């Protein structure tokens, strides 16, 4: 069935298309009776505004672009829910893109969203992103950007983050207080700010406890379960002993957990494990995983609130802010 347009409304009322358009947009030059008639006919014939046409006139559409590394990760799916809640309340829909941890794909996604005339973009960068030139290009076109969790430090934009260094310190310090001494760190790519800061927090805790950092206990890899599994396997093959693991995130911790159980060792009797993020599955492991709880839903929600404020105001006149949300160490039986 053909969509009804403002031409149909104009024909029904025998008035000009421009009058219909201004009436639907509550233009002050149109009297209230005409506005009422136009809106009544629009409702009767089932007229729905065309967001693409609106976008061509306003140079943007009522959509918010979202770029995340992956959707399957519980942290990002929760953050997306927070974004969508605010977008819906504010009259926006979202276009969701995933970079699959690829810088090149992230660049393509960013430019595609710009060409779709999105009103703004919320981003968590890939683990291979080393600069934010593609985001600077978008900001130059007047499209506001808000980063969350993984951010580009070289881009002047608002950011919603946690204190990764302090959170990591709290987790490792807890392990030390529990009596663990040979604590291994399964880290992520150091080009990612969150990974380097979590490593720094690990070192801070060791230093404060006068424990000499052993380089053989530190391994940097990716951010998925297979990375934790492979790292654990390699360390066992090289006869590197440890009594605890602080993992850069929950998937890496779960991968290590799988390998430990596979060879017959016990958690936490033989090796204690702490993750980071508080993915839902961590409470279903046996034993449940001690982890740092990131407020993922609130991170997404707050990023969207800031972006909507930027869209509704002149974003060039609003100074970027960095909002730091609190985390919490969730203590379970893996330690």
C-alpha atoms as a PDB file:
ATOM      1  CA  UNK A   1       0.000   0.000   0.000  1.00  0.00           C
ATOM      2  CA  UNK A   2       1.249   3.453  -0.951  1.00  0.00           C
ATOM      3  CA  UNK A   3       2.287   5.654   1.978  1.00  0.00           C
ATOM      4  CA  UNK A   4       0.208   8.777   2.478  1.00  0.00           C
ATOM      5  CA  UNK A   5       2.077  12.083   2.092  1.00  0.00           C
ATOM      6  CA  UNK A   6       1.445  15.762   2.800  1.00  0.00           C
ATOM      7  CA  UNK A   7       0.321  16.029  -0.835  1.00  0.00           C
ATOM      8  CA  UNK A   8      -2.680  13.834   0.037  1.00  0.00           C
ATOM      9  CA  UNK A   9      -3.540  16.062   2.988  1.00  0.00           C
ATOM     10  CA  UNK A  10      -3.216  19.199   0.853  1.00  0.00           C
ATOM     11  CA  UNK A  11      -5.489  17.692  -1.830  1.00  0.00           C
ATOM     12  CA  UNK A  12      -8.154  16.721   0.736  1.00  0.00           C
ATOM     13  CA  UNK A  13      -8.247  20.214   2.242  1.00  0.00           C
ATOM     14  CA  UNK A  14      -7.622  22.110  -1.013  1.00  0.00           C
ATOM     15  CA  UNK A  15      -4.680  24.008   0.461  1.00  0.00           C
ATOM     16  CA  UNK A  16      -1.016  24.252  -0.489  1.00  0.00           C
ATOM     17  CA  UNK A  17       1.581  21.635   0.420  1.00  0.00           C
ATOM     18  CA  UNK A  18       3.679  24.307   2.133  1.00  0.00           C
ATOM     19  CA  UNK A  19       0.715  25.243   4.350  1.00  0.00           C
ATOM     20  CA  UNK A  20       0.279  21.592   5.355  1.00  0.00           C
ATOM     21  CA  UNK A  21       3.979  21.280   6.142  1.00  0.00           C
ATOM     22  CA  UNK A  22       4.005  24.396   8.304  1.00  0.00           C
ATOM     23  CA  UNK A  23       0.781  23.354  10.073  1.00  0.00           C
ATOM     24  CA  UNK A  24       2.236  19.956  10.964  1.00  0.00           C
ATOM     25  CA  UNK A  25       5.306  21.703  12.358  1.00  0.00           C
ATOM     26  CA  UNK A  26       3.211  24.195  14.383  1.00  0.00           C
ATOM     27  CA  UNK A  27       4.523  27.202  12.470  1.00  0.00           C
ATOM     28  CA  UNK A  28       3.331  30.464  14.108  1.00  0.00           C
ATOM     29  CA  UNK A  29       2.134  31.894  10.744  1.00  0.00           C
ATOM     30  CA  UNK A  30      -0.575  29.195  10.489  1.00  0.00           C
ATOM     31  CA  UNK A  31      -3.766  29.785  12.439  1.00  0.00           C
ATOM     32  CA  UNK A  32      -4.954  27.270  15.013  1.00  0.00           C
ATOM     33  CA  UNK A  33      -8.055  26.164  13.050  1.00  0.00           C
ATOM     34  CA  UNK A  34      -5.944  25.242  10.010  1.00  0.00           C
ATOM     35  CA  UNK A  35      -3.471  23.361  12.217  1.00  0.00           C
ATOM     36  CA  UNK A  36      -6.324  21.430  13.828  1.00  0.00           C
ATOM     37  CA  UNK A  37      -7.866  20.510  10.438  1.00  0.00           C
ATOM     38  CA  UNK A  38      -4.514  19.429   8.967  1.00  0.00           C
ATOM     39  CA  UNK A  39      -3.689  17.230  11.962  1.00  0.00           C
ATOM     40  CA  UNK A  40      -7.198  15.752  11.939  1.00  0.00           C
ATOM     41  CA  UNK A  41      -6.930  14.743   8.267  1.00  0.00           C
ATOM     42  CA  UNK A  42      -3.376  13.480   8.796  1.00  0.00           C
ATOM     43  CA  UNK A  43      -4.601  11.161  11.536  1.00  0.00           C
ATOM     44  CA  UNK A  44      -7.631  10.062   9.479  1.00  0.00           C
ATOM     45  CA  UNK A  45      -5.614   9.016   6.398  1.00  0.00           C
ATOM     46  CA  UNK A  46      -2.782   7.463   8.455  1.00  0.00           C
ATOM     47  CA  UNK A  47      -0.085   9.944   7.511  1.00  0.00           C
ATOM     48  CA  UNK A  48       3.354   9.103   8.992  1.00  0.00           C
ATOM     49  CA  UNK A  49       6.191  11.664   8.722  1.00  0.00           C
ATOM     50  CA  UNK A  50       9.084  10.512   6.546  1.00  0.00           C
ATOM     51  CA  UNK A  51      12.277  10.698   8.649  1.00  0.00           C
ATOM     52  CA  UNK A  52      14.458  10.659   5.526  1.00  0.00           C
ATOM     53  CA  UNK A  53      12.655  13.678   4.096  1.00  0.00           C
ATOM     54  CA  UNK A  54      12.880  15.422   7.465  1.00  0.00           C
ATOM     55  CA  UNK A  55      16.578  14.616   7.549  1.00  0.00           C
ATOM     56  CA  UNK A  56      17.154  16.203   4.154  1.00  0.00           C
ATOM     57  CA  UNK A  57      15.570  19.427   5.381  1.00  0.00           C
ATOM     58  CA  UNK A  58      17.239  19.505   8.796  1.00  0.00           C
ATOM     59  CA  UNK A  59      20.486  17.880   7.589  1.00  0.00           C
ATOM     60  CA  UNK A  60      20.036  15.112  10.184  1.00  0.00           C
ATOM     61  CA  UNK A  61      17.559  12.366  11.001  1.00  0.00           C
ATOM     62  CA  UNK A  62      16.042  11.538  14.435  1.00  0.00           C
ATOM     63  CA  UNK A  63      18.456   8.634  14.829  1.00  0.00           C
ATOM     64  CA  UNK A  64      21.470   8.026  17.034  1.00  0.00           C
ATOM     65  CA  UNK A  65      24.348   5.914  15.762  1.00  0.00           C
ATOM     66  CA  UNK A  66      25.972   3.427  18.144  1.00  0.00           C
ATOM     67  CA  UNK A  67      29.305   1.712  17.457  1.00  0.00           C
ATOM     68  CA  UNK A  68      30.496  -1.074  19.785  1.00  0.00           C
ATOM     69  CA  UNK A  69      33.224  -3.717  19.410  1.00  0.00           C
ATOM     70  CA  UNK A  70      30.740  -6.591  19.678  1.00  0.00           C
ATOM     71  CA  UNK A  71      27.140  -7.224  20.619  1.00  0.00           C
ATOM     72  CA  UNK A  72      27.572 -10.711  22.133  1.00  0.00           C
ATOM     73  CA  UNK A  73      29.591  -9.345  25.065  1.00  0.00           C
ATOM     74  CA  UNK A  74      27.188  -8.923  27.992  1.00  0.00           C
ATOM     75  CA  UNK A  75      28.757  -5.587  28.937  1.00  0.00           C
ATOM     76  CA  UNK A  76      27.966  -4.028  25.559  1.00  0.00           C
ATOM     77  CA  UNK A  77      24.486  -5.513  25.212  1.00  0.00           C
ATOM     78  CA  UNK A  78      23.628  -4.053  28.626  1.00  0.00           C
ATOM     79  CA  UNK A  79      25.085  -0.656  27.678  1.00  0.00           C
ATOM     80  CA  UNK A  80      23.056  -0.679  24.437  1.00  0.00           C
ATOM     81  CA  UNK A  81      19.894  -1.251  26.492  1.00  0.00           C
ATOM     82  CA  UNK A  82      20.709   1.853  28.513  1.00  0.00           C
ATOM     83  CA  UNK A  83      21.314   3.871  25.343  1.00  0.00           C
ATOM     84  CA  UNK A  84      18.085   2.672  23.752  1.00  0.00           C
ATOM     85  CA  UNK A  85      16.022   3.576  26.824  1.00  0.00           C
ATOM     86  CA  UNK A  86      17.112   7.213  26.725  1.00  0.00           C
ATOM     87  CA  UNK A  87      16.909   7.383  22.924  1.00  0.00           C
ATOM     88  CA  UNK A  88      13.295   6.130  23.013  1.00  0.00           C
ATOM     89  CA  UNK A  89      12.308   8.552  25.770  1.00  0.00           C
ATOM     90  CA  UNK A  90      13.832  11.411  23.761  1.00  0.00           C
ATOM     91  CA  UNK A  91      12.150  10.535  20.467  1.00  0.00           C
ATOM     92  CA  UNK A  92      15.143   8.944  18.736  1.00  0.00           C
ATOM     93  CA  UNK A  93      15.764   5.523  17.272  1.00  0.00           C
ATOM     94  CA  UNK A  94      19.206   3.924  17.161  1.00  0.00           C
ATOM     95  CA  UNK A  95      21.283   2.462  14.358  1.00  0.00           C
ATOM     96  CA  UNK A  96      23.607  -0.165  15.800  1.00  0.00           C
ATOM     97  CA  UNK A  97      26.983  -1.082  14.288  1.00  0.00           C
ATOM     98  CA  UNK A  98      29.656  -3.452  15.568  1.00  0.00           C
ATOM     99  CA  UNK A  99      33.312  -3.115  14.637  1.00  0.00           C
ATOM    100  CA  UNK A 100      34.168  -6.749  15.493  1.00  0.00           C
ATOM    101  CA  UNK A 101      37.338  -5.333  17.108  1.00  0.00           C
ATOM    102  CA  UNK A 102      38.494  -4.038  13.689  1.00  0.00           C
ATOM    103  CA  UNK A 103      39.747  -0.463  13.251  1.00  0.00           C
ATOM    104  CA  UNK A 104      39.033  -0.553   9.502  1.00  0.00           C
ATOM    105  CA  UNK A 105      35.460  -1.703  10.074  1.00  0.00           C
ATOM    106  CA  UNK A 106      35.021   0.958  12.749  1.00  0.00           C
ATOM    107  CA  UNK A 107      36.066   3.642  10.225  1.00  0.00           C
ATOM    108  CA  UNK A 108      33.552   2.296   7.675  1.00  0.00           C
ATOM    109  CA  UNK A 109      30.796   2.243  10.325  1.00  0.00           C
ATOM    110  CA  UNK A 110      31.540   5.798  11.447  1.00  0.00           C
ATOM    111  CA  UNK A 111      31.461   7.186   7.915  1.00  0.00           C
ATOM    112  CA  UNK A 112      28.303   5.264   7.056  1.00  0.00           C
ATOM    113  CA  UNK A 113      26.526   6.773  10.074  1.00  0.00           C
ATOM    114  CA  UNK A 114      27.687  10.241   9.062  1.00  0.00           C
ATOM    115  CA  UNK A 115      26.326   9.724   5.528  1.00  0.00           C
ATOM    116  CA  UNK A 116      23.018   8.558   7.026  1.00  0.00           C
ATOM    117  CA  UNK A 117      22.814  11.969   8.703  1.00  0.00           C
ATOM    118  CA  UNK A 118      22.516  10.633  12.242  1.00  0.00           C
ATOM    119  CA  UNK A 119      21.929  13.278  14.902  1.00  0.00           C
ATOM    120  CA  UNK A 120      24.842  12.012  17.000  1.00  0.00           C
ATOM    121  CA  UNK A 121      27.036   8.970  17.680  1.00  0.00           C
ATOM    122  CA  UNK A 122      27.896   6.969  20.812  1.00  0.00           C
ATOM    123  CA  UNK A 123      31.109   4.935  20.571  1.00  0.00           C
ATOM    124  CA  UNK A 124      33.201   2.358  22.367  1.00  0.00           C
ATOM    125  CA  UNK A 125      36.310   1.840  20.246  1.00  0.00           C
ATOM    126  CA  UNK A 126      37.820  -1.409  18.956  1.00  0.00           C
ATOM    127  CA  UNK A 127      40.896  -3.006  20.508  1.00  0.00           C
ATOM    128  CA  UNK A 128      42.899  -2.159  17.355  1.00  0.00           C
ATOM    129  CA  UNK A 129      42.037   1.573  17.224  1.00  0.00           C
ATOM    130  CA  UNK A 130      45.145   3.709  17.716  1.00  0.00           C
ATOM    131  CA  UNK A 131      43.845   7.126  16.684  1.00  0.00           C
ATOM    132  CA  UNK A 132      40.534   8.924  16.382  1.00  0.00           C
ATOM    133  CA  UNK A 133      40.996  10.751  13.068  1.00  0.00           C
ATOM    134  CA  UNK A 134      37.771   9.287  11.671  1.00  0.00           C
ATOM    135  CA  UNK A 135      35.860  10.632  14.668  1.00  0.00           C
ATOM    136  CA  UNK A 136      37.497  14.065  14.369  1.00  0.00           C
ATOM    137  CA  UNK A 137      36.234  14.186  10.788  1.00  0.00           C
ATOM    138  CA  UNK A 138      32.658  13.527  11.980  1.00  0.00           C
ATOM    139  CA  UNK A 139      32.846  16.196  14.685  1.00  0.00           C
ATOM    140  CA  UNK A 140      34.029  18.705  12.050  1.00  0.00           C
ATOM    141  CA  UNK A 141      30.758  18.011  10.210  1.00  0.00           C
ATOM    142  CA  UNK A 142      28.846  19.136  13.310  1.00  0.00           C
ATOM    143  CA  UNK A 143      27.818  15.669  14.512  1.00  0.00           C
ATOM    144  CA  UNK A 144      28.381  15.275  18.274  1.00  0.00           C
ATOM    145  CA  UNK A 145      30.096  12.153  19.628  1.00  0.00           C
ATOM    146  CA  UNK A 146      30.118  10.675  23.126  1.00  0.00           C
ATOM    147  CA  UNK A 147      32.527   7.863  24.030  1.00  0.00           C
ATOM    148  CA  UNK A 148      31.942   5.293  26.752  1.00  0.00           C
ATOM    149  CA  UNK A 149      34.208   2.683  28.390  1.00  0.00           C
ATOM    150  CA  UNK A 150      36.822   2.492  25.614  1.00  0.00           C
ATOM    151  CA  UNK A 151      37.639   6.034  24.544  1.00  0.00           C
ATOM    152  CA  UNK A 152      39.874   7.940  22.119  1.00  0.00           C
ATOM    153  CA  UNK A 153      42.102  10.190  24.219  1.00  0.00           C
ATOM    154  CA  UNK A 154      43.112  12.240  21.158  1.00  0.00           C
ATOM    155  CA  UNK A 155      39.509  13.266  20.380  1.00  0.00           C
ATOM    156  CA  UNK A 156      37.945  16.247  22.127  1.00  0.00           C
ATOM    157  CA  UNK A 157      34.574  14.792  23.057  1.00  0.00           C
ATOM    158  CA  UNK A 158      32.565  13.879  26.148  1.00  0.00           C
ATOM    159  CA  UNK A 159      33.334  10.531  27.759  1.00  0.00           C
ATOM    160  CA  UNK A 160      31.612   8.233  30.276  1.00  0.00           C
ATOM    161  CA  UNK A 161      34.133   5.941  31.943  1.00  0.00           C
ATOM    162  CA  UNK A 162      35.128   4.221  35.175  1.00  0.00           C
ATOM    163  CA  UNK A 163      38.397   4.540  37.076  1.00  0.00           C
ATOM    164  CA  UNK A 164      40.014   1.402  35.631  1.00  0.00           C
ATOM    165  CA  UNK A 165      43.272   1.849  37.511  1.00  0.00           C
ATOM    166  CA  UNK A 166      41.612   2.254  40.903  1.00  0.00           C
ATOM    167  CA  UNK A 167      39.195  -0.628  40.216  1.00  0.00           C
ATOM    168  CA  UNK A 168      42.049  -2.964  39.254  1.00  0.00           C
ATOM    169  CA  UNK A 169      44.030  -1.904  42.326  1.00  0.00           C
ATOM    170  CA  UNK A 170      41.045  -2.755  44.558  1.00  0.00           C
ATOM    171  CA  UNK A 171      40.719  -6.225  43.001  1.00  0.00           C
ATOM    172  CA  UNK A 172      44.414  -7.115  43.260  1.00  0.00           C
ATOM    173  CA  UNK A 173      44.732  -5.645  46.751  1.00  0.00           C
ATOM    174  CA  UNK A 174      41.855  -7.899  47.818  1.00  0.00           C
ATOM    175  CA  UNK A 175      43.767 -10.928  46.491  1.00  0.00           C
ATOM    176  CA  UNK A 176      46.858  -9.855  48.437  1.00  0.00           C
ATOM    177  CA  UNK A 177      44.817  -9.438  51.622  1.00  0.00           C
ATOM    178  CA  UNK A 178      43.497 -12.976  51.116  1.00  0.00           C
ATOM    179  CA  UNK A 179      47.093 -14.234  51.217  1.00  0.00           C
ATOM    180  CA  UNK A 180      47.849 -14.678  47.503  1.00  0.00           C
ATOM    181  CA  UNK A 181      51.442 -13.803  46.607  1.00  0.00           C
ATOM    182  CA  UNK A 182      52.127 -15.006  43.045  1.00  0.00           C
ATOM    183  CA  UNK A 183      49.360 -13.128  41.280  1.00  0.00           C
ATOM    184  CA  UNK A 184      49.342 -13.348  37.512  1.00  0.00           C
ATOM    185  CA  UNK A 185      47.849 -10.707  35.253  1.00  0.00           C
ATOM    186  CA  UNK A 186      46.149 -11.796  32.040  1.00  0.00           C
ATOM    187  CA  UNK A 187      46.080  -8.413  30.321  1.00  0.00           C
ATOM    188  CA  UNK A 188      44.573  -7.028  27.151  1.00  0.00           C
ATOM    189  CA  UNK A 189      46.037  -4.965  24.271  1.00  0.00           C
ATOM    190  CA  UNK A 190      48.055  -2.134  25.808  1.00  0.00           C
ATOM    191  CA  UNK A 191      47.032   0.286  23.051  1.00  0.00           C
ATOM    192  CA  UNK A 192      43.615   0.250  24.711  1.00  0.00           C
ATOM    193  CA  UNK A 193      43.491   2.756  27.547  1.00  0.00           C
ATOM    194  CA  UNK A 194      41.326   0.532  29.763  1.00  0.00           C
ATOM    195  CA  UNK A 195      43.837  -2.333  29.484  1.00  0.00           C
ATOM    196  CA  UNK A 196      46.918  -0.249  30.258  1.00  0.00           C
ATOM    197  CA  UNK A 197      45.200   1.324  33.260  1.00  0.00           C
ATOM    198  CA  UNK A 198      44.101  -2.051  34.634  1.00  0.00           C
ATOM    199  CA  UNK A 199      47.704  -3.220  34.334  1.00  0.00           C
ATOM    200  CA  UNK A 200      48.850  -0.079  36.167  1.00  0.00           C
ATOM    201  CA  UNK A 201      46.356  -0.815  38.950  1.00  0.00           C
ATOM    202  CA  UNK A 202      47.747  -4.351  39.222  1.00  0.00           C
ATOM    203  CA  UNK A 203      51.294  -2.960  39.580  1.00  0.00           C
ATOM    204  CA  UNK A 204      50.138  -0.349  42.128  1.00  0.00           C
ATOM    205  CA  UNK A 205      48.731  -3.039  44.418  1.00  0.00           C
ATOM    206  CA  UNK A 206      51.879  -5.167  44.194  1.00  0.00           C
ATOM    207  CA  UNK A 207      54.116  -2.185  44.881  1.00  0.00           C
ATOM    208  CA  UNK A 208      52.130  -1.079  47.917  1.00  0.00           C
ATOM    209  CA  UNK A 209      52.384  -4.617  49.335  1.00  0.00           C
ATOM    210  CA  UNK A 210      56.147  -4.694  48.626  1.00  0.00           C
ATOM    211  CA  UNK A 211      55.682  -7.595  46.204  1.00  0.00           C
ATOM    212  CA  UNK A 212      58.209  -7.531  43.375  1.00  0.00           C
ATOM    213  CA  UNK A 213      56.458  -7.633  40.002  1.00  0.00           C
ATOM    214  CA  UNK A 214      57.440 -10.826  38.175  1.00  0.00           C
ATOM    215  CA  UNK A 215      57.341 -10.310  34.391  1.00  0.00           C
ATOM    216  CA  UNK A 216      56.814 -14.034  33.837  1.00  0.00           C
ATOM    217  CA  UNK A 217      53.411 -13.691  35.536  1.00  0.00           C
ATOM    218  CA  UNK A 218      52.173 -11.040  33.096  1.00  0.00           C
ATOM    219  CA  UNK A 219      50.839 -11.864  29.644  1.00  0.00           C
ATOM    220  CA  UNK A 220      49.111  -9.482  27.221  1.00  0.00           C
ATOM    221  CA  UNK A 221      46.704 -10.924  24.705  1.00  0.00           C
ATOM    222  CA  UNK A 222      43.161 -10.311  23.430  1.00  0.00           C
ATOM    223  CA  UNK A 223      39.872  -9.848  25.228  1.00  0.00           C
ATOM    224  CA  UNK A 224      38.019 -13.081  24.511  1.00  0.00           C
ATOM    225  CA  UNK A 225      37.608 -16.460  26.214  1.00  0.00           C
ATOM    226  CA  UNK A 226      40.025 -18.167  23.821  1.00  0.00           C
ATOM    227  CA  UNK A 227      42.704 -15.631  24.824  1.00  0.00           C
ATOM    228  CA  UNK A 228      42.357 -16.540  28.494  1.00  0.00           C
ATOM    229  CA  UNK A 229      42.336 -20.248  27.668  1.00  0.00           C
ATOM    230  CA  UNK A 230      45.447 -20.019  25.459  1.00  0.00           C
ATOM    231  CA  UNK A 231      47.328 -17.846  27.943  1.00  0.00           C
ATOM    232  CA  UNK A 232      46.636 -20.307  30.758  1.00  0.00           C
ATOM    233  CA  UNK A 233      47.681 -23.203  28.551  1.00  0.00           C
ATOM    234  CA  UNK A 234      50.978 -21.515  27.613  1.00  0.00           C
ATOM    235  CA  UNK A 235      51.820 -20.652  31.205  1.00  0.00           C
ATOM    236  CA  UNK A 236      51.188 -24.218  32.316  1.00  0.00           C
ATOM    237  CA  UNK A 237      53.352 -25.581  29.482  1.00  0.00           C
ATOM    238  CA  UNK A 238      56.151 -23.233  30.565  1.00  0.00           C
ATOM    239  CA  UNK A 239      55.793 -24.397  34.194  1.00  0.00           C
ATOM    240  CA  UNK A 240      55.022 -20.886  35.437  1.00  0.00           C
ATOM    241  CA  UNK A 241      53.459 -21.251  38.864  1.00  0.00           C
ATOM    242  CA  UNK A 242      50.878 -18.846  40.228  1.00  0.00           C
ATOM    243  CA  UNK A 243      48.362 -18.899  43.035  1.00  0.00           C
ATOM    244  CA  UNK A 244      45.933 -16.322  41.609  1.00  0.00           C
ATOM    245  CA  UNK A 245      44.922 -14.585  38.381  1.00  0.00           C
ATOM    246  CA  UNK A 246      43.651 -11.061  37.859  1.00  0.00           C
ATOM    247  CA  UNK A 247      42.108 -11.006  34.370  1.00  0.00           C
ATOM    248  CA  UNK A 248      41.539  -7.879  32.288  1.00  0.00           C
ATOM    249  CA  UNK A 249      37.877  -8.859  31.806  1.00  0.00           C
ATOM    250  CA  UNK A 250      35.404 -11.646  32.501  1.00  0.00           C
ATOM    251  CA  UNK A 251      35.705 -13.500  29.154  1.00  0.00           C
ATOM    252  CA  UNK A 252      39.491 -13.830  29.660  1.00  0.00           C
ATOM    253  CA  UNK A 253      38.914 -14.989  33.251  1.00  0.00           C
ATOM    254  CA  UNK A 254      36.363 -17.573  32.055  1.00  0.00           C
ATOM    255  CA  UNK A 255      38.782 -18.895  29.431  1.00  0.00           C
ATOM    256  CA  UNK A 256      41.471 -19.364  32.099  1.00  0.00           C
ATOM    257  CA  UNK A 257      38.866 -20.923  34.391  1.00  0.00           C
ATOM    258  CA  UNK A 258      38.010 -23.518  31.714  1.00  0.00           C
ATOM    259  CA  UNK A 259      41.653 -24.544  31.243  1.00  0.00           C
ATOM    260  CA  UNK A 260      42.286 -24.782  34.984  1.00  0.00           C
ATOM    261  CA  UNK A 261      39.310 -27.118  35.443  1.00  0.00           C
ATOM    262  CA  UNK A 262      40.232 -29.101  32.327  1.00  0.00           C
ATOM    263  CA  UNK A 263      43.586 -30.157  33.814  1.00  0.00           C
ATOM    264  CA  UNK A 264      42.075 -31.088  37.166  1.00  0.00           C
ATOM    265  CA  UNK A 265      43.089 -28.082  39.276  1.00  0.00           C
ATOM    266  CA  UNK A 266      40.565 -26.511  41.633  1.00  0.00           C
ATOM    267  CA  UNK A 267      39.345 -22.941  41.998  1.00  0.00           C
ATOM    268  CA  UNK A 268      40.106 -21.373  44.470  1.00  0.00           C
ATOM    269  CA  UNK A 269      42.036 -24.090  46.315  1.00  0.00           C
ATOM    270  CA  UNK A 270      44.816 -24.233  43.698  1.00  0.00           C
ATOM    271  CA  UNK A 271      44.310 -20.944  41.859  1.00  0.00           C
ATOM    272  CA  UNK A 272      42.081 -17.993  42.724  1.00  0.00           C
ATOM    273  CA  UNK A 273      40.572 -15.926  39.894  1.00  0.00           C
ATOM    274  CA  UNK A 274      39.216 -12.381  39.641  1.00  0.00           C
ATOM    275  CA  UNK A 275      37.548 -11.026  36.507  1.00  0.00           C
ATOM    276  CA  UNK A 276      36.334  -7.602  35.449  1.00  0.00           C
ATOM    277  CA  UNK A 277      32.860  -6.449  34.244  1.00  0.00           C
ATOM    278  CA  UNK A 278      30.416  -8.714  36.146  1.00  0.00           C
ATOM    279  CA  UNK A 279      28.954 -10.463  33.108  1.00  0.00           C
ATOM    280  CA  UNK A 280      25.800 -12.404  33.969  1.00  0.00           C
ATOM    281  CA  UNK A 281      27.478 -15.766  33.376  1.00  0.00           C
ATOM    282  CA  UNK A 282      30.058 -15.126  36.128  1.00  0.00           C
ATOM    283  CA  UNK A 283      27.477 -15.890  38.810  1.00  0.00           C
ATOM    284  CA  UNK A 284      26.595 -19.189  37.123  1.00  0.00           C
ATOM    285  CA  UNK A 285      30.120 -20.651  37.162  1.00  0.00           C
ATOM    286  CA  UNK A 286      31.050 -23.206  39.794  1.00  0.00           C
ATOM    287  CA  UNK A 287      32.440 -21.672  41.873  1.00  0.00           C
ATOM    288  CA  UNK A 288      31.004 -18.228  40.980  1.00  0.00           C
ATOM    289  CA  UNK A 289      33.579 -15.688  39.814  1.00  0.00           C
ATOM    290  CA  UNK A 290      34.792 -12.762  41.889  1.00  0.00           C
ATOM    291  CA  UNK A 291      34.714  -9.729  39.602  1.00  0.00           C
ATOM    292  CA  UNK A 292      34.596  -5.947  39.349  1.00  0.00           C
ATOM    293  CA  UNK A 293      31.090  -4.736  38.618  1.00  0.00           C
ATOM    294  CA  UNK A 294      30.961  -2.102  35.874  1.00  0.00           C
ATOM    295  CA  UNK A 295      27.664  -0.172  35.713  1.00  0.00           C
ATOM    296  CA  UNK A 296      27.233  -1.005  32.022  1.00  0.00           C
ATOM    297  CA  UNK A 297      23.533  -0.094  31.744  1.00  0.00           C
ATOM    298  CA  UNK A 298      24.097   3.243  33.478  1.00  0.00           C
ATOM    299  CA  UNK A 299      27.162   3.906  31.331  1.00  0.00           C
ATOM    300  CA  UNK A 300      25.078   3.573  28.185  1.00  0.00           C
ATOM    301  CA  UNK A 301      22.220   5.542  29.710  1.00  0.00           C
ATOM    302  CA  UNK A 302      24.440   8.417  30.797  1.00  0.00           C
ATOM    303  CA  UNK A 303      26.257   8.525  27.436  1.00  0.00           C
ATOM    304  CA  UNK A 304      22.881   8.834  25.697  1.00  0.00           C
ATOM    305  CA  UNK A 305      21.700  11.564  28.079  1.00  0.00           C
ATOM    306  CA  UNK A 306      24.816  13.612  27.372  1.00  0.00           C
ATOM    307  CA  UNK A 307      24.474  13.074  23.611  1.00  0.00           C
ATOM    308  CA  UNK A 308      20.799  14.115  23.551  1.00  0.00           C
ATOM    309  CA  UNK A 309      21.742  17.293  25.440  1.00  0.00           C
ATOM    310  CA  UNK A 310      24.431  18.010  22.831  1.00  0.00           C
ATOM    311  CA  UNK A 311      21.978  17.408  19.970  1.00  0.00           C
ATOM    312  CA  UNK A 312      19.292  19.638  21.461  1.00  0.00           C
ATOM    313  CA  UNK A 313      21.739  22.464  22.139  1.00  0.00           C
ATOM    314  CA  UNK A 314      24.563  23.932  20.089  1.00  0.00           C
ATOM    315  CA  UNK A 315      27.152  21.224  20.813  1.00  0.00           C
ATOM    316  CA  UNK A 316      29.967  23.562  19.723  1.00  0.00           C
ATOM    317  CA  UNK A 317      29.197  25.755  22.724  1.00  0.00           C
ATOM    318  CA  UNK A 318      29.253  22.931  25.280  1.00  0.00           C
ATOM    319  CA  UNK A 319      32.621  21.947  26.703  1.00  0.00           C
ATOM    320  CA  UNK A 320      33.251  18.167  26.667  1.00  0.00           C
ATOM    321  CA  UNK A 321      32.933  16.478  30.039  1.00  0.00           C
ATOM    322  CA  UNK A 322      34.454  13.308  31.470  1.00  0.00           C
ATOM    323  CA  UNK A 323      32.052  11.509  33.782  1.00  0.00           C
ATOM    324  CA  UNK A 324      33.507   8.765  35.991  1.00  0.00           C
ATOM    325  CA  UNK A 325      31.050   6.185  37.351  1.00  0.00           C
ATOM    326  CA  UNK A 326      31.671   4.055  40.440  1.00  0.00           C
ATOM    327  CA  UNK A 327      32.521   0.353  40.354  1.00  0.00           C
ATOM    328  CA  UNK A 328      32.211  -2.352  43.006  1.00  0.00           C
ATOM    329  CA  UNK A 329      34.217  -5.486  43.754  1.00  0.00           C
ATOM    330  CA  UNK A 330      31.780  -8.411  43.827  1.00  0.00           C
ATOM    331  CA  UNK A 331      33.321 -11.071  46.076  1.00  0.00           C
ATOM    332  CA  UNK A 332      32.351 -14.654  45.260  1.00  0.00           C
ATOM    333  CA  UNK A 333      33.813 -18.112  45.804  1.00  0.00           C
ATOM    334  CA  UNK A 334      36.517 -18.097  43.099  1.00  0.00           C
ATOM    335  CA  UNK A 335      38.819 -16.381  45.600  1.00  0.00           C
END
